Amino acid sequence: MLEDDALTRDGVLNVDRTQRRDPTQLKTEGRDPSFLGVSERFHLIKDGERCVLVHDRTDRHYDLLGTVCASL
């Protein structure tokens, strides 16, 4: 879940990974590839009139359709 003001203060979004839990909410045992202890970082850029979210680790770009960006 994102906070209401995500990407509005500085254009940076950090997404922390959490460890998976079983149906009783206990942490799963063993090696869990979804829990690497590393957060994923994204940053927002303006490309002409488009708003683009960039995944820092992969450099993958996502157009944010239906949005309006303003430079800080």
PDB file of N, CA and C in Angstrom:
ATOM      1  N   MET A   1       0.844  -1.168   0.000  1.00  0.00           N
ATOM      2  CA  MET A   1       0.000   0.000   0.000  1.00  0.00           C
ATOM      3  C   MET A   1       0.894   1.238   0.000  1.00  0.00           C
ATOM      4  N   LEU A   2       0.518   2.208  -0.803  1.00  0.00           N
ATOM      5  CA  LEU A   2       1.277   3.449  -0.881  1.00  0.00           C
ATOM      6  C   LEU A   2       0.655   4.507   0.016  1.00  0.00           C
ATOM      7  N   GLU A   3       1.492   5.381   0.521  1.00  0.00           N
ATOM      8  CA  GLU A   3       1.002   6.501   1.307  1.00  0.00           C
ATOM      9  C   GLU A   3       0.308   7.492   0.382  1.00  0.00           C
ATOM     10  N   ASP A   4      -0.592   8.302   0.937  1.00  0.00           N
ATOM     11  CA  ASP A   4      -1.343   9.271   0.139  1.00  0.00           C
ATOM     12  C   ASP A   4      -0.443  10.266  -0.579  1.00  0.00           C
ATOM     13  N   ASP A   5       0.694  10.604   0.022  1.00  0.00           N
ATOM     14  CA  ASP A   5       1.579  11.604  -0.577  1.00  0.00           C
ATOM     15  C   ASP A   5       2.785  10.989  -1.283  1.00  0.00           C
ATOM     16  N   ALA A   6       2.693   9.722  -1.672  1.00  0.00           N
ATOM     17  CA  ALA A   6       3.805   9.062  -2.367  1.00  0.00           C
ATOM     18  C   ALA A   6       4.159   9.830  -3.633  1.00  0.00           C
ATOM     19  N   LEU A   7       5.437  10.043  -3.841  1.00  0.00           N
ATOM     20  CA  LEU A   7       6.002  10.712  -5.013  1.00  0.00           C
ATOM     21  C   LEU A   7       5.666  12.197  -5.110  1.00  0.00           C
ATOM     22  N   THR A   8       5.126  12.795  -4.058  1.00  0.00           N
ATOM     23  CA  THR A   8       4.778  14.215  -4.136  1.00  0.00           C
ATOM     24  C   THR A   8       5.822  15.118  -3.498  1.00  0.00           C
ATOM     25  N   ARG A   9       6.604  14.594  -2.574  1.00  0.00           N
ATOM     26  CA  ARG A   9       7.594  15.436  -1.885  1.00  0.00           C
ATOM     27  C   ARG A   9       8.917  15.487  -2.619  1.00  0.00           C
ATOM     28  N   ASP A  10       9.422  14.328  -3.055  1.00  0.00           N
ATOM     29  CA  ASP A  10      10.737  14.328  -3.677  1.00  0.00           C
ATOM     30  C   ASP A  10      10.832  13.467  -4.930  1.00  0.00           C
ATOM     31  N   GLY A  11       9.756  12.854  -5.371  1.00  0.00           N
ATOM     32  CA  GLY A  11       9.785  12.073  -6.596  1.00  0.00           C
ATOM     33  C   GLY A  11      10.478  10.733  -6.464  1.00  0.00           C
ATOM     34  N   VAL A  12      10.721  10.281  -5.232  1.00  0.00           N
ATOM     35  CA  VAL A  12      11.386   9.001  -4.991  1.00  0.00           C
ATOM     36  C   VAL A  12      10.430   8.085  -4.242  1.00  0.00           C
ATOM     37  N   LEU A  13      10.414   6.819  -4.647  1.00  0.00           N
ATOM     38  CA  LEU A  13       9.572   5.824  -3.999  1.00  0.00           C
ATOM     39  C   LEU A  13      10.432   4.617  -3.646  1.00  0.00           C
ATOM     40  N   ASN A  14      10.501   4.267  -2.365  1.00  0.00           N
ATOM     41  CA  ASN A  14      11.187   3.069  -1.909  1.00  0.00           C
ATOM     42  C   ASN A  14      10.133   2.054  -1.498  1.00  0.00           C
ATOM     43  N   VAL A  15      10.263   0.842  -2.035  1.00  0.00           N
ATOM     44  CA  VAL A  15       9.327  -0.233  -1.727  1.00  0.00           C
ATOM     45  C   VAL A  15      10.101  -1.313  -0.997  1.00  0.00           C
ATOM     46  N   ASP A  16       9.782  -1.493   0.275  1.00  0.00           N
ATOM     47  CA  ASP A  16      10.453  -2.512   1.074  1.00  0.00           C
ATOM     48  C   ASP A  16       9.803  -3.865   0.858  1.00  0.00           C
ATOM     49  N   ARG A  17      10.618  -4.889   0.814  1.00  0.00           N
ATOM     50  CA  ARG A  17      10.103  -6.257   0.701  1.00  0.00           C
ATOM     51  C   ARG A  17       9.837  -6.788   2.096  1.00  0.00           C
ATOM     52  N   THR A  18       8.812  -7.573   2.218  1.00  0.00           N
ATOM     53  CA  THR A  18       8.499  -8.189   3.501  1.00  0.00           C
ATOM     54  C   THR A  18       8.558  -9.702   3.348  1.00  0.00           C
ATOM     55  N   GLN A  19       8.837 -10.370   4.438  1.00  0.00           N
ATOM     56  CA  GLN A  19       8.908 -11.821   4.407  1.00  0.00           C
ATOM     57  C   GLN A  19       7.506 -12.407   4.355  1.00  0.00           C
ATOM     58  N   ARG A  20       7.366 -13.464   3.589  1.00  0.00           N
ATOM     59  CA  ARG A  20       6.072 -14.131   3.491  1.00  0.00           C
ATOM     60  C   ARG A  20       5.709 -14.786   4.804  1.00  0.00           C
ATOM     61  N   ARG A  21       4.405 -14.869   5.031  1.00  0.00           N
ATOM     62  CA  ARG A  21       3.882 -15.492   6.250  1.00  0.00           C
ATOM     63  C   ARG A  21       2.889 -16.575   5.886  1.00  0.00           C
ATOM     64  N   ASP A  22       2.770 -17.544   6.777  1.00  0.00           N
ATOM     65  CA  ASP A  22       1.801 -18.610   6.551  1.00  0.00           C
ATOM     66  C   ASP A  22       0.413 -18.119   6.978  1.00  0.00           C
ATOM     67  N   PRO A  23      -0.626 -18.939   6.797  1.00  0.00           N
ATOM     68  CA  PRO A  23      -1.986 -18.497   7.145  1.00  0.00           C
ATOM     69  C   PRO A  23      -2.172 -18.089   8.606  1.00  0.00           C
ATOM     70  N   THR A  24      -1.285 -18.549   9.500  1.00  0.00           N
ATOM     71  CA  THR A  24      -1.397 -18.158  10.914  1.00  0.00           C
ATOM     72  C   THR A  24      -0.525 -16.948  11.234  1.00  0.00           C
ATOM     73  N   GLN A  25       0.027 -16.314  10.188  1.00  0.00           N
ATOM     74  CA  GLN A  25       0.860 -15.112  10.293  1.00  0.00           C
ATOM     75  C   GLN A  25       2.260 -15.361  10.843  1.00  0.00           C
ATOM     76  N   LEU A  26       2.718 -16.615  10.871  1.00  0.00           N
ATOM     77  CA  LEU A  26       4.095 -16.910  11.257  1.00  0.00           C
ATOM     78  C   LEU A  26       4.989 -16.787  10.027  1.00  0.00           C
ATOM     79  N   LYS A  27       6.218 -16.311  10.226  1.00  0.00           N
ATOM     80  CA  LYS A  27       7.155 -16.201   9.110  1.00  0.00           C
ATOM     81  C   LYS A  27       7.458 -17.587   8.569  1.00  0.00           C
ATOM     82  N   THR A  28       7.563 -17.693   7.242  1.00  0.00           N
ATOM     83  CA  THR A  28       7.869 -18.981   6.633  1.00  0.00           C
ATOM     84  C   THR A  28       9.328 -19.332   6.875  1.00  0.00           C
ATOM     85  N   GLU A  29       9.622 -20.604   6.967  1.00  0.00           N
ATOM     86  CA  GLU A  29      10.971 -21.083   7.218  1.00  0.00           C
ATOM     87  C   GLU A  29      11.718 -21.261   5.903  1.00  0.00           C
ATOM     88  N   GLY A  30      13.023 -21.321   5.979  1.00  0.00           N
ATOM     89  CA  GLY A  30      13.842 -21.634   4.820  1.00  0.00           C
ATOM     90  C   GLY A  30      14.129 -20.426   3.961  1.00  0.00           C
ATOM     91  N   ARG A  31      14.746 -20.707   2.846  1.00  0.00           N
ATOM     92  CA  ARG A  31      15.127 -19.628   1.930  1.00  0.00           C
ATOM     93  C   ARG A  31      13.910 -19.181   1.148  1.00  0.00           C
ATOM     94  N   ASP A  32      13.605 -17.921   1.257  1.00  0.00           N
ATOM     95  CA  ASP A  32      12.446 -17.354   0.590  1.00  0.00           C
ATOM     96  C   ASP A  32      12.947 -16.322  -0.410  1.00  0.00           C
ATOM     97  N   PRO A  33      12.869 -16.614  -1.721  1.00  0.00           N
ATOM     98  CA  PRO A  33      13.406 -15.683  -2.715  1.00  0.00           C
ATOM     99  C   PRO A  33      12.684 -14.347  -2.749  1.00  0.00           C
ATOM    100  N   SER A  34      11.495 -14.252  -2.164  1.00  0.00           N
ATOM    101  CA  SER A  34      10.781 -12.973  -2.166  1.00  0.00           C
ATOM    102  C   SER A  34      11.291 -12.041  -1.073  1.00  0.00           C
ATOM    103  N   PHE A  35      12.130 -12.553  -0.180  1.00  0.00           N
ATOM    104  CA  PHE A  35      12.656 -11.727   0.905  1.00  0.00           C
ATOM    105  C   PHE A  35      14.164 -11.640   0.762  1.00  0.00           C
ATOM    106  N   LEU A  36      14.613 -10.584   0.155  1.00  0.00           N
ATOM    107  CA  LEU A  36      16.044 -10.424  -0.064  1.00  0.00           C
ATOM    108  C   LEU A  36      16.633  -9.336   0.815  1.00  0.00           C
ATOM    109  N   GLY A  37      15.792  -8.684   1.623  1.00  0.00           N
ATOM    110  CA  GLY A  37      16.272  -7.640   2.493  1.00  0.00           C
ATOM    111  C   GLY A  37      16.624  -6.353   1.772  1.00  0.00           C
ATOM    112  N   VAL A  38      16.305  -6.280   0.502  1.00  0.00           N
ATOM    113  CA  VAL A  38      16.648  -5.123  -0.295  1.00  0.00           C
ATOM    114  C   VAL A  38      15.365  -4.422  -0.728  1.00  0.00           C
ATOM    115  N   SER A  39      15.325  -3.118  -0.527  1.00  0.00           N
ATOM    116  CA  SER A  39      14.158  -2.387  -1.005  1.00  0.00           C
ATOM    117  C   SER A  39      14.355  -2.042  -2.477  1.00  0.00           C
ATOM    118  N   GLU A  40      13.263  -1.884  -3.169  1.00  0.00           N
ATOM    119  CA  GLU A  40      13.298  -1.473  -4.570  1.00  0.00           C
ATOM    120  C   GLU A  40      13.081   0.033  -4.605  1.00  0.00           C
ATOM    121  N   ARG A  41      13.871   0.732  -5.395  1.00  0.00           N
ATOM    122  CA  ARG A  41      13.788   2.192  -5.465  1.00  0.00           C
ATOM    123  C   ARG A  41      13.323   2.604  -6.857  1.00  0.00           C
ATOM    124  N   PHE A  42      12.390   3.539  -6.894  1.00  0.00           N
ATOM    125  CA  PHE A  42      11.880   4.109  -8.125  1.00  0.00           C
ATOM    126  C   PHE A  42      12.023   5.625  -8.031  1.00  0.00           C
ATOM    127  N   HIS A  43      12.138   6.286  -9.173  1.00  0.00           N
ATOM    128  CA  HIS A  43      12.099   7.740  -9.171  1.00  0.00           C
ATOM    129  C   HIS A  43      11.251   8.220 -10.343  1.00  0.00           C
ATOM    130  N   LEU A  44      10.666   9.375 -10.139  1.00  0.00           N
ATOM    131  CA  LEU A  44       9.742   9.950 -11.101  1.00  0.00           C
ATOM    132  C   LEU A  44      10.466  10.976 -11.965  1.00  0.00           C
ATOM    133  N   ILE A  45      10.252  10.888 -13.279  1.00  0.00           N
ATOM    134  CA  ILE A  45      10.820  11.875 -14.185  1.00  0.00           C
ATOM    135  C   ILE A  45       9.714  12.407 -15.086  1.00  0.00           C
ATOM    136  N   LYS A  46       9.973  13.570 -15.639  1.00  0.00           N
ATOM    137  CA  LYS A  46       9.056  14.160 -16.598  1.00  0.00           C
ATOM    138  C   LYS A  46       9.737  14.119 -17.950  1.00  0.00           C
ATOM    139  N   ASP A  47       9.079  13.519 -18.933  1.00  0.00           N
ATOM    140  CA  ASP A  47       9.612  13.406 -20.293  1.00  0.00           C
ATOM    141  C   ASP A  47       8.639  14.125 -21.217  1.00  0.00           C
ATOM    142  N   GLY A  48       8.929  15.375 -21.492  1.00  0.00           N
ATOM    143  CA  GLY A  48       7.970  16.197 -22.232  1.00  0.00           C
ATOM    144  C   GLY A  48       6.749  16.417 -21.354  1.00  0.00           C
ATOM    145  N   GLU A  49       5.609  15.978 -21.812  1.00  0.00           N
ATOM    146  CA  GLU A  49       4.380  16.082 -21.021  1.00  0.00           C
ATOM    147  C   GLU A  49       4.079  14.792 -20.257  1.00  0.00           C
ATOM    148  N   ARG A  50       4.883  13.760 -20.467  1.00  0.00           N
ATOM    149  CA  ARG A  50       4.628  12.457 -19.835  1.00  0.00           C
ATOM    150  C   ARG A  50       5.279  12.365 -18.468  1.00  0.00           C
ATOM    151  N   CYS A  51       4.612  11.641 -17.558  1.00  0.00           N
ATOM    152  CA  CYS A  51       5.186  11.280 -16.259  1.00  0.00           C
ATOM    153  C   CYS A  51       5.673   9.839 -16.385  1.00  0.00           C
ATOM    154  N   VAL A  52       6.909   9.606 -15.995  1.00  0.00           N
ATOM    155  CA  VAL A  52       7.499   8.279 -16.149  1.00  0.00           C
ATOM    156  C   VAL A  52       8.110   7.854 -14.822  1.00  0.00           C
ATOM    157  N   LEU A  53       7.781   6.651 -14.380  1.00  0.00           N
ATOM    158  CA  LEU A  53       8.365   6.071 -13.181  1.00  0.00           C
ATOM    159  C   LEU A  53       9.491   5.142 -13.618  1.00  0.00           C
ATOM    160  N   VAL A  54      10.685   5.347 -13.054  1.00  0.00           N
ATOM    161  CA  VAL A  54      11.860   4.572 -13.444  1.00  0.00           C
ATOM    162  C   VAL A  54      12.281   3.675 -12.289  1.00  0.00           C
ATOM    163  N   HIS A  55      12.413   2.384 -12.559  1.00  0.00           N
ATOM    164  CA  HIS A  55      12.890   1.413 -11.571  1.00  0.00           C
ATOM    165  C   HIS A  55      14.413   1.465 -11.602  1.00  0.00           C
ATOM    166  N   ASP A  56      15.018   1.904 -10.515  1.00  0.00           N
ATOM    167  CA  ASP A  56      16.463   2.139 -10.500  1.00  0.00           C
ATOM    168  C   ASP A  56      17.296   0.890 -10.785  1.00  0.00           C
ATOM    169  N   ARG A  57      16.912  -0.253 -10.235  1.00  0.00           N
ATOM    170  CA  ARG A  57      17.729  -1.461 -10.399  1.00  0.00           C
ATOM    171  C   ARG A  57      17.716  -1.970 -11.838  1.00  0.00           C
ATOM    172  N   THR A  58      16.560  -1.901 -12.497  1.00  0.00           N
ATOM    173  CA  THR A  58      16.430  -2.466 -13.840  1.00  0.00           C
ATOM    174  C   THR A  58      16.424  -1.416 -14.945  1.00  0.00           C
ATOM    175  N   ASP A  59      16.298  -0.146 -14.574  1.00  0.00           N
ATOM    176  CA  ASP A  59      16.165   0.960 -15.515  1.00  0.00           C
ATOM    177  C   ASP A  59      14.929   0.813 -16.405  1.00  0.00           C
ATOM    178  N   ARG A  60      13.966   0.070 -15.934  1.00  0.00           N
ATOM    179  CA  ARG A  60      12.711  -0.088 -16.670  1.00  0.00           C
ATOM    180  C   ARG A  60      11.860   1.159 -16.455  1.00  0.00           C
ATOM    181  N   HIS A  61      11.221   1.632 -17.522  1.00  0.00           N
ATOM    182  CA  HIS A  61      10.417   2.851 -17.483  1.00  0.00           C
ATOM    183  C   HIS A  61       8.936   2.498 -17.595  1.00  0.00           C
ATOM    184  N   TYR A  62       8.111   3.146 -16.768  1.00  0.00           N
ATOM    185  CA  TYR A  62       6.667   2.932 -16.766  1.00  0.00           C
ATOM    186  C   TYR A  62       5.968   4.275 -16.960  1.00  0.00           C
ATOM    187  N   ASP A  63       5.238   4.421 -18.065  1.00  0.00           N
ATOM    188  CA  ASP A  63       4.449   5.633 -18.274  1.00  0.00           C
ATOM    189  C   ASP A  63       3.278   5.635 -17.299  1.00  0.00           C
ATOM    190  N   LEU A  64       3.088   6.740 -16.619  1.00  0.00           N
ATOM    191  CA  LEU A  64       1.975   6.885 -15.684  1.00  0.00           C
ATOM    192  C   LEU A  64       0.843   7.602 -16.409  1.00  0.00           C
ATOM    193  N   LEU A  65      -0.041   6.825 -16.994  1.00  0.00           N
ATOM    194  CA  LEU A  65      -1.132   7.382 -17.786  1.00  0.00           C
ATOM    195  C   LEU A  65      -2.141   8.081 -16.904  1.00  0.00           C
ATOM    196  N   GLY A  66      -2.707   9.158 -17.394  1.00  0.00           N
ATOM    197  CA  GLY A  66      -3.734   9.884 -16.651  1.00  0.00           C
ATOM    198  C   GLY A  66      -3.188  10.681 -15.482  1.00  0.00           C
ATOM    199  N   THR A  67      -1.900  11.018 -15.520  1.00  0.00           N
ATOM    200  CA  THR A  67      -1.290  11.795 -14.442  1.00  0.00           C
ATOM    201  C   THR A  67      -0.735  13.103 -14.979  1.00  0.00           C
ATOM    202  N   VAL A  68      -0.494  14.018 -14.091  1.00  0.00           N
ATOM    203  CA  VAL A  68       0.133  15.294 -14.437  1.00  0.00           C
ATOM    204  C   VAL A  68       1.354  15.453 -13.548  1.00  0.00           C
ATOM    205  N   CYS A  69       2.500  15.732 -14.166  1.00  0.00           N
ATOM    206  CA  CYS A  69       3.736  15.923 -13.406  1.00  0.00           C
ATOM    207  C   CYS A  69       4.115  17.386 -13.416  1.00  0.00           C
ATOM    208  N   ALA A  70       4.742  17.797 -12.343  1.00  0.00           N
ATOM    209  CA  ALA A  70       5.279  19.149 -12.244  1.00  0.00           C
ATOM    210  C   ALA A  70       6.691  19.039 -11.694  1.00  0.00           C
ATOM    211  N   SER A  71       7.597  19.810 -12.252  1.00  0.00           N
ATOM    212  CA  SER A  71       8.965  19.828 -11.759  1.00  0.00           C
ATOM    213  C   SER A  71       9.019  20.468 -10.382  1.00  0.00           C
ATOM    214  N   LEU A  72       9.930  19.945  -9.542  1.00  0.00           N
ATOM    215  CA  LEU A  72      10.094  20.519  -8.199  1.00  0.00           C
ATOM    216  C   LEU A  72      10.912  21.781  -8.236  1.00  0.00           C
TER     217      LEU A  72
END
